[in-house]
Amino acid sequence: MSLTVENLKFAYGRQEVLKGISFTASEGELLSVLGCNGAGKSTLFKCMLGLLEGYSGRILADGQDIKTLSLRKLARKTAYIPQLHYPAFSYSVFDMVLMGTAHRVSPMASPGDKEKIRTHNALEQMGIAGLAERSYNHLSGGEQQLVLMARALAQEARILILDEPTASLDFGNRIRVLSKIRELVGNGYTVIQSTHDPENAFMYSDRVLAVKSGRVIAEGAPSEILTEELMRELYGVEVDVRSLDDDKIRICIPKNRRK
């Protein structure tokens, strides 16, 4: 299942935020969206999720214009995974993931056996079935992120949109979460994530979309476009981009660092 954005434009009043963005994220692909704060990434994601309607252009989920889909039908195709979520009540992990099945239940009904089986399967897929009875609020940041990913899997959408999924995680949890994301991509999910970390984008992404001031300024394989020139244009900093391990890994080192 793919997601295609065609000439997407959006403005808040007179402030134009998206200025003709186009791209396609294909089945079994991890597309990372890079850009500084204010580049338009959050607005782009809100449009793709059907949360903003006043845009021009088209957004196609599995070939269907999302403007023609109800929120319930869109939820069968696209799932959103935020950075972290802090519910008002202390839900169990199982209940948090079960919420992902809500679009399959009529408004006045409770989740049934099918929804509970989907929830159990999603927990198993993310390797956190042992946390099912734990309080979500008492988990580590990395565990909470895996729970949110499991909730998206229980939703049974094949397009996953992640908002900086590792932004608040320590190094170990970043690796665990990114490894799970790669597993999902290997299982045929279409994954679009925003990130501020070009090194993670290089190591884990299939393609990168670089966004500046509401426009796509570069798109392609990480090894082709993650250059010193692009880092300068995106973030306004001077870095050395160095390749390691036969160009499988790249690191960005500030040029003015203390030796």
Protein backbone atom coordinates (compact mmCIF):
# COMPACT_ATOMS: atom_id res chain seq x y z
CA MET A 1 0.00 0.00 0.00
CA SER A 2 1.50 3.35 -1.04
CA LEU A 3 0.91 6.97 -0.12
CA THR A 4 1.25 9.66 -2.78
CA VAL A 5 1.27 13.43 -2.31
CA GLU A 6 0.70 15.51 -5.43
CA ASN A 7 1.45 19.26 -5.56
CA LEU A 8 0.28 19.79 -1.98
CA LYS A 9 -0.23 23.41 -0.94
CA PHE A 10 -1.54 24.73 2.37
CA ALA A 11 -1.72 28.09 4.12
CA TYR A 12 -2.74 29.30 7.55
CA GLY A 13 -4.60 32.42 6.50
CA ARG A 14 -2.14 34.37 4.35
CA GLN A 15 0.87 32.42 5.60
CA GLU A 16 1.74 29.85 2.96
CA VAL A 17 3.28 26.80 4.65
CA LEU A 18 3.33 24.06 2.01
CA LYS A 19 4.29 25.19 -1.48
CA GLY A 20 3.73 22.34 -3.91
CA ILE A 21 5.11 19.23 -2.21
CA SER A 22 5.05 15.99 -4.21
CA PHE A 23 6.39 12.51 -3.41
CA THR A 24 5.41 8.85 -3.15
CA ALA A 25 6.15 6.45 -0.29
CA SER A 26 5.94 2.89 -1.59
CA GLU A 27 5.03 -0.39 0.04
CA GLY A 28 7.92 -1.83 2.02
CA GLU A 29 9.75 1.49 2.18
CA LEU A 30 10.92 3.76 5.00
CA LEU A 31 10.85 7.40 3.92
CA SER A 32 12.43 9.89 6.32
CA VAL A 33 11.42 13.55 6.15
CA LEU A 34 14.22 15.91 7.20
CA GLY A 35 13.91 19.62 7.87
CA CYS A 36 14.44 22.22 10.55
CA ASN A 37 11.69 23.46 12.88
CA GLY A 38 9.14 25.45 10.90
CA ALA A 39 9.93 23.76 7.59
CA GLY A 40 6.37 22.47 7.23
CA LYS A 41 6.79 18.85 8.36
CA SER A 42 4.03 18.92 11.00
CA THR A 43 1.58 20.58 8.61
CA LEU A 44 2.45 18.01 5.94
CA PHE A 45 1.75 15.17 8.37
CA LYS A 46 -1.56 16.71 9.52
CA CYS A 47 -2.68 16.92 5.90
CA MET A 48 -1.71 13.28 5.25
CA LEU A 49 -3.69 12.22 8.33
CA GLY A 50 -6.82 14.07 7.22
CA LEU A 51 -6.62 16.56 10.10
CA LEU A 52 -6.36 19.61 7.82
CA GLU A 53 -8.80 20.01 4.95
CA GLY A 54 -8.10 23.38 3.35
CA TYR A 55 -5.26 22.24 1.11
CA SER A 56 -4.97 22.07 -2.64
CA GLY A 57 -3.43 19.14 -4.49
CA ARG A 58 -4.10 15.50 -3.77
CA ILE A 59 -3.15 12.91 -1.17
CA LEU A 60 -3.72 9.32 -2.26
CA ALA A 61 -3.72 6.38 0.17
CA ASP A 62 -3.65 3.11 -1.73
CA GLY A 63 -4.74 5.05 -4.81
CA GLN A 64 -7.75 6.68 -3.14
CA ASP A 65 -8.02 10.41 -2.54
CA ILE A 66 -8.26 10.75 1.25
CA LYS A 67 -10.80 13.57 0.84
CA THR A 68 -13.26 10.92 -0.36
CA LEU A 69 -12.73 8.71 2.71
CA SER A 70 -14.48 8.91 6.06
CA LEU A 71 -12.20 9.03 9.11
CA ARG A 72 -13.07 5.38 9.84
CA LYS A 73 -12.12 4.31 6.32
CA LEU A 74 -8.95 6.38 6.40
CA ALA A 75 -8.03 4.72 9.72
CA ARG A 76 -8.07 1.37 7.93
CA LYS A 77 -5.29 2.63 5.66
CA THR A 78 -3.22 5.10 7.70
CA ALA A 79 -2.10 5.08 11.33
CA TYR A 80 -0.34 7.82 13.29
CA ILE A 81 2.37 7.20 15.87
CA PRO A 82 3.22 10.33 17.92
CA GLN A 83 6.50 10.99 19.71
CA LEU A 84 5.02 10.03 23.07
CA HIS A 85 1.53 10.12 24.51
CA TYR A 86 0.52 10.87 28.09
CA PRO A 87 -3.06 9.71 28.74
CA ALA A 88 -5.07 11.30 31.55
CA PHE A 89 -5.80 7.90 33.07
CA SER A 90 -3.46 5.06 33.94
CA TYR A 91 -4.45 2.58 31.26
CA SER A 92 -2.87 -0.83 31.00
CA VAL A 93 -0.67 -1.55 28.01
CA PHE A 94 -3.32 -3.95 26.69
CA ASP A 95 -6.03 -1.28 26.87
CA MET A 96 -3.79 1.30 25.21
CA VAL A 97 -3.23 -1.03 22.25
CA LEU A 98 -6.88 -2.08 22.19
CA MET A 99 -7.78 1.56 21.49
CA GLY A 100 -6.26 1.08 18.06
CA THR A 101 -9.23 -1.11 17.09
CA ALA A 102 -11.86 1.54 17.92
CA HIS A 103 -12.57 2.35 14.26
CA ARG A 104 -13.76 -1.24 13.75
CA VAL A 105 -16.36 -1.04 16.52
CA SER A 106 -19.70 0.78 16.33
CA PRO A 107 -19.87 3.92 18.51
CA MET A 108 -22.02 2.36 21.27
CA ALA A 109 -20.33 -1.07 21.30
CA SER A 110 -17.36 -2.45 23.23
CA PRO A 111 -14.40 -4.24 21.64
CA GLY A 112 -15.07 -7.94 21.15
CA ASP A 113 -12.98 -11.07 20.80
CA LYS A 114 -11.71 -10.13 17.32
CA GLU A 115 -10.38 -6.80 18.57
CA LYS A 116 -8.74 -8.44 21.57
CA ILE A 117 -7.05 -11.00 19.32
CA ARG A 118 -5.75 -8.16 17.12
CA THR A 119 -4.42 -6.45 20.24
CA HIS A 120 -2.65 -9.60 21.44
CA ASN A 121 -1.13 -10.16 18.00
CA ALA A 122 0.13 -6.56 17.83
CA LEU A 123 1.80 -6.90 21.25
CA GLU A 124 3.43 -10.13 20.13
CA GLN A 125 4.63 -8.55 16.89
CA MET A 126 6.32 -5.73 18.80
CA GLY A 127 7.83 -8.15 21.33
CA ILE A 128 6.08 -6.59 24.33
CA ALA A 129 3.35 -9.13 25.17
CA GLY A 130 4.90 -9.46 28.63
CA LEU A 131 3.98 -5.83 29.34
CA ALA A 132 0.26 -6.29 28.65
CA GLU A 133 -0.90 -5.85 32.26
CA ARG A 134 1.60 -3.13 33.15
CA SER A 135 0.52 0.50 33.50
CA TYR A 136 1.45 2.44 30.35
CA ASN A 137 2.35 5.48 32.45
CA HIS A 138 4.95 3.48 34.40
CA LEU A 139 6.92 2.30 31.38
CA SER A 140 10.18 3.70 30.07
CA GLY A 141 10.09 6.04 27.07
CA GLY A 142 11.28 3.30 24.74
CA GLU A 143 8.65 0.86 25.99
CA GLN A 144 5.94 3.50 25.60
CA GLN A 145 7.00 4.11 22.00
CA LEU A 146 6.75 0.38 21.25
CA VAL A 147 3.26 0.37 22.79
CA LEU A 148 2.19 3.23 20.51
CA MET A 149 3.57 1.31 17.55
CA ALA A 150 1.63 -1.79 18.66
CA ARG A 151 -1.52 0.34 18.86
CA ALA A 152 -0.98 1.34 15.23
CA LEU A 153 -0.54 -2.31 14.25
CA ALA A 154 -3.78 -3.24 16.02
CA GLN A 155 -5.44 -0.62 13.83
CA GLU A 156 -4.40 -2.86 10.90
CA ALA A 157 -3.44 0.10 8.69
CA ARG A 158 -0.54 -0.56 6.33
CA ILE A 159 0.68 3.04 6.10
CA LEU A 160 2.39 4.23 9.29
CA ILE A 161 3.17 7.92 9.88
CA LEU A 162 5.61 8.58 12.72
CA ASP A 163 6.37 11.99 14.21
CA GLU A 164 10.02 11.96 15.36
CA PRO A 165 9.62 8.52 17.00
CA THR A 166 13.02 8.57 18.73
CA ALA A 167 13.26 12.27 19.65
CA SER A 168 13.04 11.80 23.44
CA LEU A 169 14.70 8.39 23.73
CA ASP A 170 18.15 7.42 24.94
CA PHE A 171 20.62 5.75 22.61
CA GLY A 172 19.63 2.16 23.43
CA ASN A 173 15.92 2.78 23.06
CA ARG A 174 16.48 4.67 19.79
CA ILE A 175 18.19 1.61 18.35
CA ARG A 176 15.44 -0.72 19.61
CA VAL A 177 12.66 1.41 18.16
CA LEU A 178 14.39 1.97 14.82
CA SER A 179 15.13 -1.74 14.54
CA LYS A 180 11.44 -2.52 15.06
CA ILE A 181 10.53 0.06 12.44
CA ARG A 182 12.85 -1.69 9.98
CA GLU A 183 11.18 -5.01 10.81
CA LEU A 184 7.80 -3.50 9.94
CA VAL A 185 9.17 -2.18 6.65
CA GLY A 186 10.51 -5.66 5.93
CA ASN A 187 6.99 -7.01 6.49
CA GLY A 188 5.60 -4.73 3.80
CA TYR A 189 4.47 -1.69 5.77
CA THR A 190 4.85 1.76 4.25
CA VAL A 191 6.52 3.98 6.86
CA ILE A 192 6.94 7.76 6.74
CA GLN A 193 8.79 9.35 9.64
CA SER A 194 9.95 12.85 10.44
CA THR A 195 13.35 13.10 12.08
CA HIS A 196 16.01 15.64 13.02
CA ASP A 197 18.76 13.04 12.98
CA PRO A 198 20.43 12.70 9.55
CA GLU A 199 22.64 9.85 10.80
CA ASN A 200 19.64 7.71 11.76
CA ALA A 201 18.03 8.61 8.45
CA PHE A 202 21.13 7.40 6.64
CA MET A 203 21.40 4.11 8.54
CA TYR A 204 17.74 3.07 8.51
CA SER A 205 15.93 4.84 5.65
CA ASP A 206 15.38 3.72 2.09
CA ARG A 207 14.80 7.29 0.90
CA VAL A 208 15.01 10.78 2.34
CA LEU A 209 12.80 13.79 1.63
CA ALA A 210 14.48 17.09 2.56
CA VAL A 211 12.01 19.92 3.18
CA LYS A 212 12.82 23.62 3.57
CA SER A 213 10.33 26.49 3.78
CA GLY A 214 7.49 24.29 2.56
CA ARG A 215 9.29 22.92 -0.49
CA VAL A 216 11.13 19.69 -1.30
CA ILE A 217 14.75 20.66 -1.96
CA ALA A 218 16.16 17.12 -2.28
CA GLU A 219 14.82 13.59 -2.54
CA GLY A 220 16.56 10.27 -3.00
CA ALA A 221 18.66 7.57 -1.43
CA PRO A 222 20.45 8.70 1.75
CA SER A 223 23.86 7.93 0.26
CA GLU A 224 23.11 10.26 -2.65
CA ILE A 225 21.65 13.34 -0.96
CA LEU A 226 22.90 13.49 2.65
CA THR A 227 25.83 15.76 1.93
CA GLU A 228 27.59 18.64 3.63
CA GLU A 229 25.90 21.03 1.22
CA LEU A 230 22.43 19.71 2.13
CA MET A 231 23.12 19.93 5.88
CA ARG A 232 24.20 23.53 5.39
CA GLU A 233 21.08 24.39 3.42
CA LEU A 234 18.68 22.59 5.75
CA TYR A 235 20.10 23.54 9.13
CA GLY A 236 22.47 26.44 8.50
CA VAL A 237 25.49 24.69 10.03
CA GLU A 238 28.87 23.63 8.71
CA VAL A 239 29.59 19.92 9.17
CA ASP A 240 31.93 17.29 7.81
CA VAL A 241 29.95 14.31 6.50
CA ARG A 242 32.18 11.28 6.85
CA SER A 243 31.53 7.76 5.59
CA LEU A 244 32.30 4.64 7.61
CA ASP A 245 32.08 0.92 6.92
CA ASP A 246 32.18 1.09 3.11
CA ASP A 247 29.71 4.00 3.05
CA LYS A 248 27.05 2.09 5.02
CA ILE A 249 27.18 4.66 7.83
CA ARG A 250 27.65 8.42 7.73
CA ILE A 251 28.35 10.74 10.62
CA CYS A 252 28.08 14.52 10.77
CA ILE A 253 30.88 16.26 12.67
CA PRO A 254 30.72 20.03 13.37
CA LYS A 255 33.59 21.77 11.62
CA ASN A 256 34.16 24.16 14.51
CA ARG A 257 34.35 21.42 17.17
CA ARG A 258 37.09 21.65 19.79
CA LYS A 259 39.99 19.31 18.99
